[in-house]
C-alpha atoms as a PDB file:
ATOM      1  CA  MET A   1      69.587 103.661  96.920  1.00  0.00           C
ATOM      2  CA  GLN A   2      71.518 106.890  96.347  1.00  0.00           C
ATOM      3  CA  ASP A   3      74.244 108.246  98.650  1.00  0.00           C
ATOM      4  CA  ASN A   4      73.151 111.840  98.408  1.00  0.00           C
ATOM      5  CA  LEU A   5      69.693 111.709  99.733  1.00  0.00           C
ATOM      6  CA  THR A   6      68.202 114.719 101.303  1.00  0.00           C
ATOM      7  CA  ALA A   7      67.036 114.350 104.883  1.00  0.00           C
ATOM      8  CA  GLU A   8      63.096 114.335 103.752  1.00  0.00           C
ATOM      9  CA  GLN A   9      64.006 111.320 101.263  1.00  0.00           C
ATOM     10  CA  VAL A  10      65.837 109.516 103.987  1.00  0.00           C
ATOM     11  CA  LEU A  11      62.679 109.953 106.269  1.00  0.00           C
ATOM     12  CA  ALA A  12      60.166 108.729 103.689  1.00  0.00           C
ATOM     13  CA  TYR A  13      62.387 105.862 102.848  1.00  0.00           C
ATOM     14  CA  LEU A  14      62.637 105.103 106.561  1.00  0.00           C
ATOM     15  CA  ILE A  15      58.919 105.141 106.735  1.00  0.00           C
ATOM     16  CA  GLU A  16      58.464 103.003 104.021  1.00  0.00           C
ATOM     17  CA  THR A  17      61.010 100.444 105.440  1.00  0.00           C
ATOM     18  CA  LEU A  18      59.513 100.215 108.779  1.00  0.00           C
ATOM     19  CA  GLU A  19      56.049  99.792 107.379  1.00  0.00           C
ATOM     20  CA  THR A  20      56.942  97.053 105.132  1.00  0.00           C
ATOM     21  CA  ASP A  21      58.994  95.431 108.194  1.00  0.00           C
ATOM     22  CA  LEU A  22      56.133  95.751 110.485  1.00  0.00           C
ATOM     23  CA  SER A  23      53.959  94.123 107.978  1.00  0.00           C
ATOM     24  CA  GLU A  24      56.009  91.056 107.754  1.00  0.00           C
ATOM     25  CA  ILE A  25      56.242  90.762 111.575  1.00  0.00           C
ATOM     26  CA  LEU A  26      52.343  90.846 111.724  1.00  0.00           C
ATOM     27  CA  GLY A  27      52.354  87.922 108.926  1.00  0.00           C
ATOM     28  CA  ALA A  28      54.700  85.905 111.005  1.00  0.00           C
ATOM     29  CA  GLU A  29      53.218  82.705 112.272  1.00  0.00           C
ATOM     30  CA  SER A  30      55.077  82.728 115.652  1.00  0.00           C
ATOM     31  CA  LYS A  31      55.777  85.747 117.729  1.00  0.00           C
ATOM     32  CA  ASN A  32      58.804  85.027 119.915  1.00  0.00           C
ATOM     33  CA  GLU A  33      60.416  87.659 122.122  1.00  0.00           C
ATOM     34  CA  PHE A  34      62.663  88.655 119.649  1.00  0.00           C
ATOM     35  CA  ILE A  35      60.054  89.479 117.121  1.00  0.00           C
ATOM     36  CA  VAL A  36      57.733  91.035 119.703  1.00  0.00           C
ATOM     37  CA  GLY A  37      61.159  93.186 120.406  1.00  0.00           C
ATOM     38  CA  GLU A  38      61.462  94.161 116.773  1.00  0.00           C
ATOM     39  CA  TRP A  39      57.746  95.243 116.675  1.00  0.00           C
ATOM     40  CA  TYR A  40      58.152  97.626 119.777  1.00  0.00           C
ATOM     41  CA  ALA A  41      61.257  99.183 118.168  1.00  0.00           C
ATOM     42  CA  TYR A  42      59.677  99.799 114.705  1.00  0.00           C
ATOM     43  CA  VAL A  43      56.468 101.078 116.234  1.00  0.00           C
ATOM     44  CA  GLU A  44      58.620 103.278 118.599  1.00  0.00           C
ATOM     45  CA  CYS A  45      60.452 104.792 115.408  1.00  0.00           C
ATOM     46  CA  LEU A  46      57.171 105.503 113.493  1.00  0.00           C
ATOM     47  CA  GLU A  47      55.727 107.237 116.763  1.00  0.00           C
ATOM     48  CA  VAL A  48      58.901 109.588 116.684  1.00  0.00           C
ATOM     49  CA  ILE A  49      58.837 110.154 112.797  1.00  0.00           C
ATOM     50  CA  SER A  50      55.316 111.049 113.250  1.00  0.00           C
ATOM     51  CA  ASN A  51      56.454 114.111 115.104  1.00  0.00           C
ATOM     52  CA  TRP A  52      57.993 115.390 111.732  1.00  0.00           C
ATOM     53  CA  LYS A  53      55.795 118.246 110.345  1.00  0.00           C
ATOM     54  CA  LYS A  54      55.769 116.522 106.949  1.00  0.00           C
ATOM     55  CA  ALA A  55      54.826 113.204 108.466  1.00  0.00           C
ATOM     56  CA  LYS A  56      51.209 113.079 106.860  1.00  0.00           C
ATOM     57  CA  LYS A  57      52.466 114.072 103.605  1.00  0.00           C
ATOM     58  CA  PHE A  58      54.332 110.646 103.477  1.00  0.00           C
ATOM     59  CA  GLY A  59      51.675 108.499 104.540  1.00  0.00           C
ATOM     60  CA  LEU A  60      52.296 108.583 108.598  1.00  0.00           C
ATOM     61  CA  ASP A  61      48.808 109.936 109.378  1.00  0.00           C
ATOM     62  CA  TYR A  62      47.734 107.292 111.761  1.00  0.00           C
ATOM     63  CA  ASN A  63      48.447 105.955 115.101  1.00  0.00           C
ATOM     64  CA  PRO A  64      51.398 103.160 114.648  1.00  0.00           C
ATOM     65  CA  GLU A  65      50.279 101.322 117.645  1.00  0.00           C
ATOM     66  CA  LEU A  66      46.745 100.815 116.455  1.00  0.00           C
ATOM     67  CA  LYS A  67      47.506 100.091 112.951  1.00  0.00           C
ATOM     68  CA  TYR A  68      50.418  97.429 113.621  1.00  0.00           C
ATOM     69  CA  ASN A  69      48.644  95.861 116.771  1.00  0.00           C
ATOM     70  CA  ILE A  70      50.819  92.630 117.371  1.00  0.00           C
ATOM     71  CA  THR A  71      48.211  90.949 119.540  1.00  0.00           C
END
């Protein structure tokens, strides 16, 4: 990863990273308190980023809680 990214590039990369990590969490065989805490944190981050006016352009055009339902 480059050191001189724009804010837009950083947010796009963050969305990608959070989505990847959430997919891995959902695929976990057991969901302990730590994993559930991670899920809440990552979903909250996506919810905050979804307020960015360019979020939809980078694929964040959904409700993270519904898409990444941990139950």
